[in-house]
C-alpha atoms as a PDB file:
ATOM      1  CA  MET A   1      26.888 -47.738  50.856  1.00  0.00           C
ATOM      2  CA  ARG A   2      26.365 -44.014  51.347  1.00  0.00           C
ATOM      3  CA  ARG A   3      26.112 -43.483  47.525  1.00  0.00           C
ATOM      4  CA  LEU A   4      23.523 -46.354  47.267  1.00  0.00           C
ATOM      5  CA  LEU A   5      21.377 -44.804  50.031  1.00  0.00           C
ATOM      6  CA  THR A   6      21.410 -41.423  48.224  1.00  0.00           C
ATOM      7  CA  LEU A   7      20.419 -42.999  45.012  1.00  0.00           C
ATOM      8  CA  LEU A   8      17.566 -44.731  46.572  1.00  0.00           C
ATOM      9  CA  THR A   9      16.327 -41.616  48.210  1.00  0.00           C
ATOM     10  CA  LEU A  10      16.385 -39.886  44.798  1.00  0.00           C
ATOM     11  CA  VAL A  11      14.369 -42.589  43.189  1.00  0.00           C
ATOM     12  CA  VAL A  12      11.757 -42.666  45.935  1.00  0.00           C
ATOM     13  CA  GLY A  13      11.492 -38.850  45.651  1.00  0.00           C
ATOM     14  CA  LEU A  14      10.984 -38.884  41.860  1.00  0.00           C
ATOM     15  CA  THR A  15       8.415 -41.597  41.999  1.00  0.00           C
ATOM     16  CA  SER A  16       6.352 -39.660  44.605  1.00  0.00           C
ATOM     17  CA  VAL A  17       6.594 -36.426  42.650  1.00  0.00           C
ATOM     18  CA  ALA A  18       5.841 -37.920  39.204  1.00  0.00           C
ATOM     19  CA  PRO A  19       2.120 -38.691  39.664  1.00  0.00           C
ATOM     20  CA  ALA A  20       1.463 -35.206  40.927  1.00  0.00           C
ATOM     21  CA  PHE A  21       3.300 -33.649  38.121  1.00  0.00           C
ATOM     22  CA  ALA A  22       1.394 -35.808  35.598  1.00  0.00           C
ATOM     23  CA  GLU A  23      -1.905 -34.779  37.131  1.00  0.00           C
ATOM     24  CA  ASP A  24      -0.921 -31.047  36.820  1.00  0.00           C
ATOM     25  CA  MET A  25      -0.097 -31.460  33.229  1.00  0.00           C
ATOM     26  CA  ALA A  26      -3.258 -33.175  32.456  1.00  0.00           C
ATOM     27  CA  SER A  27      -5.311 -30.333  33.759  1.00  0.00           C
ATOM     28  CA  ALA A  28      -3.090 -27.574  32.215  1.00  0.00           C
ATOM     29  CA  PRO A  29      -4.598 -25.663  29.285  1.00  0.00           C
ATOM     30  CA  MET A  30      -3.613 -26.730  25.724  1.00  0.00           C
ATOM     31  CA  VAL A  31      -0.841 -24.873  24.011  1.00  0.00           C
ATOM     32  CA  ARG A  32      -2.357 -22.497  21.438  1.00  0.00           C
ATOM     33  CA  ARG A  33      -1.707 -23.265  17.815  1.00  0.00           C
ATOM     34  CA  LYS A  34      -0.696 -20.673  15.211  1.00  0.00           C
ATOM     35  CA  ILE A  35      -3.425 -18.581  13.715  1.00  0.00           C
ATOM     36  CA  THR A  36      -3.750 -18.608   9.904  1.00  0.00           C
ATOM     37  CA  TRP A  37      -3.812 -14.879   9.161  1.00  0.00           C
ATOM     38  CA  ARG A  38      -3.776 -14.944   5.354  1.00  0.00           C
ATOM     39  CA  THR A  39      -3.731 -18.283   3.759  1.00  0.00           C
ATOM     40  CA  GLY A  40      -6.974 -19.092   1.827  1.00  0.00           C
ATOM     41  CA  ARG A  41      -8.624 -15.597   2.678  1.00  0.00           C
ATOM     42  CA  SER A  42      -9.845 -12.777   0.457  1.00  0.00           C
ATOM     43  CA  GLU A  43      -8.890  -9.189   1.366  1.00  0.00           C
ATOM     44  CA  LEU A  44     -11.149  -6.239   0.387  1.00  0.00           C
ATOM     45  CA  ARG A  45      -9.366  -2.990   0.873  1.00  0.00           C
ATOM     46  CA  PRO A  46     -10.596   0.551   0.327  1.00  0.00           C
ATOM     47  CA  SER A  47      -7.727   3.136   0.553  1.00  0.00           C
ATOM     48  CA  LEU A  48      -6.653   6.736   0.454  1.00  0.00           C
ATOM     49  CA  GLY A  49      -3.421   7.846  -1.166  1.00  0.00           C
ATOM     50  CA  TRP A  50      -1.299  10.797  -1.744  1.00  0.00           C
ATOM     51  CA  THR A  51       1.580  11.367  -4.190  1.00  0.00           C
ATOM     52  CA  VAL A  52       4.514  12.983  -2.685  1.00  0.00           C
ATOM     53  CA  ASN A  53       7.182  13.885  -5.367  1.00  0.00           C
ATOM     54  CA  ASP A  54       4.961  16.151  -7.510  1.00  0.00           C
ATOM     55  CA  ARG A  55       6.085  19.538  -8.937  1.00  0.00           C
ATOM     56  CA  TYR A  56       2.870  21.158 -10.000  1.00  0.00           C
ATOM     57  CA  PHE A  57      -0.008  18.879  -8.748  1.00  0.00           C
ATOM     58  CA  HIS A  58      -0.312  16.466  -5.969  1.00  0.00           C
ATOM     59  CA  ASN A  59      -2.714  13.540  -6.504  1.00  0.00           C
ATOM     60  CA  PHE A  60      -5.283  12.605  -3.743  1.00  0.00           C
ATOM     61  CA  ILE A  61      -6.255   8.929  -4.718  1.00  0.00           C
ATOM     62  CA  ILE A  62      -9.399   7.199  -3.545  1.00  0.00           C
ATOM     63  CA  GLY A  63      -9.165   3.578  -4.310  1.00  0.00           C
ATOM     64  CA  VAL A  64     -10.311   0.108  -3.643  1.00  0.00           C
ATOM     65  CA  GLY A  65      -8.422  -3.240  -4.048  1.00  0.00           C
ATOM     66  CA  TYR A  66      -8.944  -6.962  -3.797  1.00  0.00           C
ATOM     67  CA  ASN A  67      -6.479  -9.726  -2.995  1.00  0.00           C
ATOM     68  CA  TYR A  68      -6.652 -13.491  -2.575  1.00  0.00           C
ATOM     69  CA  HIS A  69      -3.929 -15.005  -0.335  1.00  0.00           C
ATOM     70  CA  PHE A  70      -3.053 -18.400  -1.903  1.00  0.00           C
ATOM     71  CA  LEU A  71      -0.439 -18.850   0.767  1.00  0.00           C
ATOM     72  CA  ASP A  72       0.656 -17.105   3.962  1.00  0.00           C
ATOM     73  CA  TRP A  73       3.342 -15.334   1.909  1.00  0.00           C
ATOM     74  CA  LEU A  74       1.777 -15.070  -1.542  1.00  0.00           C
ATOM     75  CA  ALA A  75      -1.354 -13.020  -2.808  1.00  0.00           C
ATOM     76  CA  ALA A  76      -2.579 -11.723  -6.088  1.00  0.00           C
ATOM     77  CA  GLY A  77      -5.299  -9.133  -6.889  1.00  0.00           C
ATOM     78  CA  ALA A  78      -6.271  -5.968  -8.568  1.00  0.00           C
ATOM     79  CA  ASN A  79      -6.602  -2.320  -7.601  1.00  0.00           C
ATOM     80  CA  VAL A  80      -8.479   0.670  -9.053  1.00  0.00           C
ATOM     81  CA  GLY A  81      -8.421   4.374  -8.005  1.00  0.00           C
ATOM     82  CA  TRP A  82      -9.206   7.881  -9.145  1.00  0.00           C
ATOM     83  CA  ALA A  83      -6.921  10.873  -8.488  1.00  0.00           C
ATOM     84  CA  PHE A  84      -8.118  14.362  -7.552  1.00  0.00           C
ATOM     85  CA  PRO A  85      -5.451  17.014  -8.402  1.00  0.00           C
ATOM     86  CA  ILE A  86      -4.440  19.486  -5.888  1.00  0.00           C
ATOM     87  CA  MET A  87      -2.107  22.298  -6.911  1.00  0.00           C
ATOM     88  CA  THR A  88       1.258  22.678  -5.283  1.00  0.00           C
ATOM     89  CA  SER A  89       2.549  25.817  -3.733  1.00  0.00           C
ATOM     90  CA  LEU A  90       4.956  26.136  -6.602  1.00  0.00           C
ATOM     91  CA  ALA A  91       2.243  26.084  -9.228  1.00  0.00           C
ATOM     92  CA  GLU A  92       0.264  28.564  -7.360  1.00  0.00           C
ATOM     93  CA  ASN A  93       3.184  30.882  -7.125  1.00  0.00           C
ATOM     94  CA  ILE A  94       3.947  30.593 -10.802  1.00  0.00           C
ATOM     95  CA  GLU A  95       0.311  31.400 -11.806  1.00  0.00           C
ATOM     96  CA  ALA A  96       0.207  34.392  -9.353  1.00  0.00           C
ATOM     97  CA  GLU A  97       3.431  35.812 -10.768  1.00  0.00           C
ATOM     98  CA  LYS A  98       2.361  35.679 -14.396  1.00  0.00           C
ATOM     99  CA  LYS A  99      -1.181  36.707 -13.863  1.00  0.00           C
ATOM    100  CA  THR A 100      -2.231  40.313 -14.693  1.00  0.00           C
ATOM    101  CA  ASP A 101      -5.367  42.306 -14.554  1.00  0.00           C
ATOM    102  CA  THR A 102      -6.205  41.359 -18.140  1.00  0.00           C
ATOM    103  CA  PHE A 103      -4.423  38.068 -18.474  1.00  0.00           C
ATOM    104  CA  SER A 104      -4.706  34.834 -16.536  1.00  0.00           C
ATOM    105  CA  PHE A 105      -2.011  32.050 -16.679  1.00  0.00           C
ATOM    106  CA  PRO A 106      -3.399  28.565 -15.930  1.00  0.00           C
ATOM    107  CA  ILE A 107      -0.303  26.450 -15.645  1.00  0.00           C
ATOM    108  CA  PRO A 108       0.106  23.891 -18.432  1.00  0.00           C
ATOM    109  CA  ALA A 109       0.742  20.829 -16.198  1.00  0.00           C
ATOM    110  CA  SER A 110      -0.398  17.267 -15.918  1.00  0.00           C
ATOM    111  CA  HIS A 111      -1.781  15.177 -13.138  1.00  0.00           C
ATOM    112  CA  LEU A 112      -3.166  11.680 -12.707  1.00  0.00           C
ATOM    113  CA  GLY A 113      -6.651  10.473 -13.309  1.00  0.00           C
ATOM    114  CA  LEU A 114      -7.779   6.753 -13.414  1.00  0.00           C
ATOM    115  CA  LEU A 115      -5.252   4.220 -12.024  1.00  0.00           C
ATOM    116  CA  ALA A 116      -5.673   0.598 -12.462  1.00  0.00           C
ATOM    117  CA  ASP A 117      -3.451  -2.498 -12.088  1.00  0.00           C
ATOM    118  CA  ALA A 118      -3.045  -6.210 -11.340  1.00  0.00           C
ATOM    119  CA  ARG A 119      -0.478  -7.151  -8.728  1.00  0.00           C
ATOM    120  CA  VAL A 120       1.333  -9.826  -6.820  1.00  0.00           C
ATOM    121  CA  GLU A 121       2.034  -9.370  -3.096  1.00  0.00           C
ATOM    122  CA  LEU A 122       4.953 -11.104  -1.408  1.00  0.00           C
ATOM    123  CA  SER A 123       5.056 -11.344   2.383  1.00  0.00           C
ATOM    124  CA  PRO A 124       8.545 -12.479   3.453  1.00  0.00           C
ATOM    125  CA  GLY A 125       7.951 -12.021   7.178  1.00  0.00           C
ATOM    126  CA  GLY A 126       5.801 -10.810  10.082  1.00  0.00           C
ATOM    127  CA  GLY A 127       5.248 -11.436  13.835  1.00  0.00           C
ATOM    128  CA  LYS A 128       3.521  -9.963  16.814  1.00  0.00           C
ATOM    129  CA  PHE A 129       4.030  -7.244  19.413  1.00  0.00           C
ATOM    130  CA  MET A 130       2.403  -6.463  22.631  1.00  0.00           C
ATOM    131  CA  LEU A 131       0.190  -3.242  22.813  1.00  0.00           C
ATOM    132  CA  TRP A 132       0.210  -1.647  26.280  1.00  0.00           C
ATOM    133  CA  ASN A 133       1.626  -4.931  27.493  1.00  0.00           C
ATOM    134  CA  ARG A 134      -1.848  -6.435  27.273  1.00  0.00           C
ATOM    135  CA  ILE A 135      -2.982  -7.014  23.565  1.00  0.00           C
ATOM    136  CA  ALA A 136      -1.121  -9.104  21.103  1.00  0.00           C
ATOM    137  CA  VAL A 137      -1.114  -7.496  17.708  1.00  0.00           C
ATOM    138  CA  ALA A 138      -0.126  -9.421  14.533  1.00  0.00           C
ATOM    139  CA  TYR A 139       1.545  -7.765  11.517  1.00  0.00           C
ATOM    140  CA  ASP A 140       3.444  -8.560   8.359  1.00  0.00           C
ATOM    141  CA  PHE A 141       5.625  -6.793   5.827  1.00  0.00           C
ATOM    142  CA  HIS A 142       4.932  -7.200   2.082  1.00  0.00           C
ATOM    143  CA  ALA A 143       6.496  -6.261  -1.239  1.00  0.00           C
ATOM    144  CA  ILE A 144       4.276  -5.255  -4.255  1.00  0.00           C
ATOM    145  CA  LEU A 145       5.026  -6.049  -7.908  1.00  0.00           C
ATOM    146  CA  GLY A 146       2.363  -5.112 -10.553  1.00  0.00           C
ATOM    147  CA  ILE A 147       1.509  -3.867 -14.052  1.00  0.00           C
ATOM    148  CA  GLY A 148      -1.336  -1.670 -15.060  1.00  0.00           C
ATOM    149  CA  THR A 149      -2.062   1.782 -16.476  1.00  0.00           C
ATOM    150  CA  ILE A 150      -2.438   5.488 -15.341  1.00  0.00           C
ATOM    151  CA  GLN A 151      -4.497   8.183 -17.055  1.00  0.00           C
ATOM    152  CA  VAL A 152      -2.578  11.417 -17.606  1.00  0.00           C
ATOM    153  CA  ARG A 153      -4.802  14.379 -17.569  1.00  0.00           C
ATOM    154  CA  TRP A 154      -4.058  18.121 -17.972  1.00  0.00           C
ATOM    155  CA  ASN A 155      -4.950  21.134 -15.969  1.00  0.00           C
ATOM    156  CA  SER A 156      -8.592  21.750 -16.849  1.00  0.00           C
ATOM    157  CA  ASP A 157      -8.209  25.515 -16.810  1.00  0.00           C
ATOM    158  CA  ALA A 158      -5.376  25.318 -19.448  1.00  0.00           C
ATOM    159  CA  GLU A 159      -7.161  22.813 -21.893  1.00  0.00           C
ATOM    160  CA  ALA A 160      -8.474  25.545 -24.188  1.00  0.00           C
ATOM    161  CA  ARG A 161      -4.967  26.797 -24.871  1.00  0.00           C
ATOM    162  CA  PHE A 162      -3.673  23.385 -26.069  1.00  0.00           C
ATOM    163  CA  GLY A 163      -5.926  23.416 -29.017  1.00  0.00           C
ATOM    164  CA  GLY A 164      -6.834  19.733 -28.602  1.00  0.00           C
ATOM    165  CA  GLN A 165      -3.065  18.554 -28.314  1.00  0.00           C
ATOM    166  CA  GLU A 166      -3.541  17.573 -24.687  1.00  0.00           C
ATOM    167  CA  GLU A 167      -5.423  14.474 -25.785  1.00  0.00           C
ATOM    168  CA  ASP A 168      -2.443  13.376 -27.785  1.00  0.00           C
ATOM    169  CA  ALA A 169       0.007  13.981 -24.979  1.00  0.00           C
ATOM    170  CA  GLY A 170      -2.135  12.573 -22.358  1.00  0.00           C
ATOM    171  CA  GLY A 171      -4.373   9.555 -22.101  1.00  0.00           C
ATOM    172  CA  PHE A 172      -3.610   6.127 -20.638  1.00  0.00           C
ATOM    173  CA  LYS A 173      -0.066   5.006 -20.115  1.00  0.00           C
ATOM    174  CA  LEU A 174       1.461   1.628 -19.368  1.00  0.00           C
ATOM    175  CA  SER A 175       2.464   1.703 -15.749  1.00  0.00           C
ATOM    176  CA  PRO A 176       4.625  -0.859 -13.882  1.00  0.00           C
ATOM    177  CA  LYS A 177       4.189  -0.730 -10.091  1.00  0.00           C
ATOM    178  CA  VAL A 178       6.559  -1.561  -7.188  1.00  0.00           C
ATOM    179  CA  GLY A 179       6.025  -0.954  -3.548  1.00  0.00           C
ATOM    180  CA  LEU A 180       6.578  -1.913   0.116  1.00  0.00           C
ATOM    181  CA  GLY A 181       3.987  -2.127   2.776  1.00  0.00           C
ATOM    182  CA  MET A 182       2.948  -3.275   6.223  1.00  0.00           C
ATOM    183  CA  ARG A 183      -0.363  -4.796   7.450  1.00  0.00           C
ATOM    184  CA  VAL A 184      -1.481  -4.766  11.014  1.00  0.00           C
ATOM    185  CA  PHE A 185      -4.350  -6.870  12.298  1.00  0.00           C
ATOM    186  CA  LEU A 186      -6.654  -5.130  14.638  1.00  0.00           C
ATOM    187  CA  ASP A 187      -8.704  -8.357  14.778  1.00  0.00           C
ATOM    188  CA  ARG A 188      -8.784 -11.591  13.052  1.00  0.00           C
ATOM    189  CA  GLY A 189     -10.817 -10.091  10.306  1.00  0.00           C
ATOM    190  CA  ILE A 190      -9.859  -6.451  10.259  1.00  0.00           C
ATOM    191  CA  GLY A 191      -6.464  -4.743   9.550  1.00  0.00           C
ATOM    192  CA  ILE A 192      -4.741  -1.511   8.524  1.00  0.00           C
ATOM    193  CA  THR A 193      -2.197  -1.291   5.751  1.00  0.00           C
ATOM    194  CA  LEU A 194       0.501   1.369   5.177  1.00  0.00           C
ATOM    195  CA  GLU A 195       2.200   1.237   1.828  1.00  0.00           C
ATOM    196  CA  VAL A 196       4.408   3.243  -0.498  1.00  0.00           C
ATOM    197  CA  VAL A 197       3.750   2.492  -4.067  1.00  0.00           C
ATOM    198  CA  ASP A 198       5.485   3.873  -7.275  1.00  0.00           C
ATOM    199  CA  HIS A 199       3.232   4.320 -10.385  1.00  0.00           C
ATOM    200  CA  MET A 200       5.812   4.569 -13.064  1.00  0.00           C
ATOM    201  CA  ALA A 201       5.145   5.709 -16.655  1.00  0.00           C
ATOM    202  CA  TYR A 202       6.518   7.630 -19.600  1.00  0.00           C
ATOM    203  CA  MET A 203       4.566  10.950 -19.589  1.00  0.00           C
ATOM    204  CA  TYR A 204       4.797  14.680 -19.837  1.00  0.00           C
ATOM    205  CA  THR A 205       4.503  16.611 -16.634  1.00  0.00           C
ATOM    206  CA  ALA A 206       4.265  20.201 -18.265  1.00  0.00           C
ATOM    207  CA  GLY A 207       3.739  21.890 -21.604  1.00  0.00           C
ATOM    208  CA  GLU A 208       5.583  24.837 -23.241  1.00  0.00           C
ATOM    209  CA  VAL A 209       4.232  28.332 -23.560  1.00  0.00           C
ATOM    210  CA  THR A 210       4.375  30.269 -26.835  1.00  0.00           C
ATOM    211  CA  ALA A 211       6.112  33.544 -27.128  1.00  0.00           C
ATOM    212  CA  ASP A 212       2.784  35.507 -26.862  1.00  0.00           C
ATOM    213  CA  GLY A 213       1.850  33.502 -23.815  1.00  0.00           C
ATOM    214  CA  LYS A 214      -1.567  32.731 -25.260  1.00  0.00           C
ATOM    215  CA  HIS A 215      -1.097  29.127 -26.461  1.00  0.00           C
ATOM    216  CA  TYR A 216       0.533  25.951 -24.991  1.00  0.00           C
ATOM    217  CA  THR A 217       2.420  23.245 -26.941  1.00  0.00           C
ATOM    218  CA  PHE A 218       4.310  20.134 -25.963  1.00  0.00           C
ATOM    219  CA  PRO A 219       7.976  19.406 -25.954  1.00  0.00           C
ATOM    220  CA  LYS A 220       9.296  17.888 -29.194  1.00  0.00           C
ATOM    221  CA  ASP A 221      11.300  15.349 -27.189  1.00  0.00           C
ATOM    222  CA  ASP A 222       9.732  12.092 -26.121  1.00  0.00           C
ATOM    223  CA  PRO A 223       8.049  12.037 -22.638  1.00  0.00           C
ATOM    224  CA  GLU A 224      10.371  11.152 -19.751  1.00  0.00           C
ATOM    225  CA  PHE A 225      10.029   8.153 -17.401  1.00  0.00           C
ATOM    226  CA  GLN A 226       8.365   9.492 -14.336  1.00  0.00           C
ATOM    227  CA  HIS A 227       7.967   8.158 -10.733  1.00  0.00           C
ATOM    228  CA  ASN A 228       4.591   8.955  -9.134  1.00  0.00           C
ATOM    229  CA  LEU A 229       5.319   7.946  -5.628  1.00  0.00           C
ATOM    230  CA  ALA A 230       2.194   7.616  -3.525  1.00  0.00           C
ATOM    231  CA  ALA A 231       1.822   6.955   0.268  1.00  0.00           C
ATOM    232  CA  VAL A 232      -1.282   4.770   0.793  1.00  0.00           C
ATOM    233  CA  LEU A 233      -3.427   4.135   3.909  1.00  0.00           C
ATOM    234  CA  GLY A 234      -5.749   1.092   3.522  1.00  0.00           C
ATOM    235  CA  PHE A 235      -8.500  -0.537   5.578  1.00  0.00           C
ATOM    236  CA  SER A 236      -8.636  -4.367   5.095  1.00  0.00           C
ATOM    237  CA  VAL A 237     -11.584  -6.611   5.612  1.00  0.00           C
ATOM    238  CA  MET A 238     -10.496 -10.313   5.483  1.00  0.00           C
ATOM    239  CA  MET A 239     -12.973 -13.048   4.406  1.00  0.00           C
ATOM    240  CA  PRO A 240     -13.892 -15.329   5.927  1.00  0.00           C
ATOM    241  CA  PHE A 241     -13.991 -13.029   8.900  1.00  0.00           C
ATOM    242  CA  GLU A 242     -13.099 -15.639  11.365  1.00  0.00           C
ATOM    243  CA  THR A 243      -9.898 -17.611  10.541  1.00  0.00           C
ATOM    244  CA  ASP A 244      -8.710 -20.989  11.482  1.00  0.00           C
ATOM    245  CA  TYR A 245      -5.675 -22.439  13.209  1.00  0.00           C
ATOM    246  CA  GLU A 246      -2.854 -24.174  11.320  1.00  0.00           C
ATOM    247  CA  GLU A 247      -2.898 -28.032  11.659  1.00  0.00           C
END
């Protein structure tokens, strides 16, 4: 009998609470759906880059790229850029050591010029983090696979001593690209990307000096496979600027 009374009391309590709970749930805000950050959107991205593993010349790269995101994890696009050479401290020291009052020594070394490629971008994962415990910031990680070209140019101060040979040893080279990156969305239509991209190619990095020091030649061996590793900071504008929710 005691168990029966207890059960009846529980049933009466639940029936009295249920209408109030249903009313509260009806007035509660709708659960937010997931935002589509990439699928079906175009991405225009100006960028600044800096090569980091150079012996004689660093390359400061100004570029622009375009991606179309077919899926949340798959995009394809193209990039183009121009590299401005900046001499390393090693090259400056070599020139200073060999320079005399009557003889200058422009170092016979190469740097990059035009860079262009088509690429695929794969985004295996991402998420959100809280900034200052108030602002939700979305991010993703991506891998880059591409193929393109790089232009090999020579120290302009040394061109006269090559006797025209620098054109044969320079020019445009086939260049596969691989890289890793991270994209952070500051808003639904604006983001910042940080990438490390390797512009690989068979190329000469330096010439040889004749015994009199007045003329430059190139090694008789074939050019070596070089890694032109660049750190890249990009500013992304996503289009359409306002994104949708997933169904």
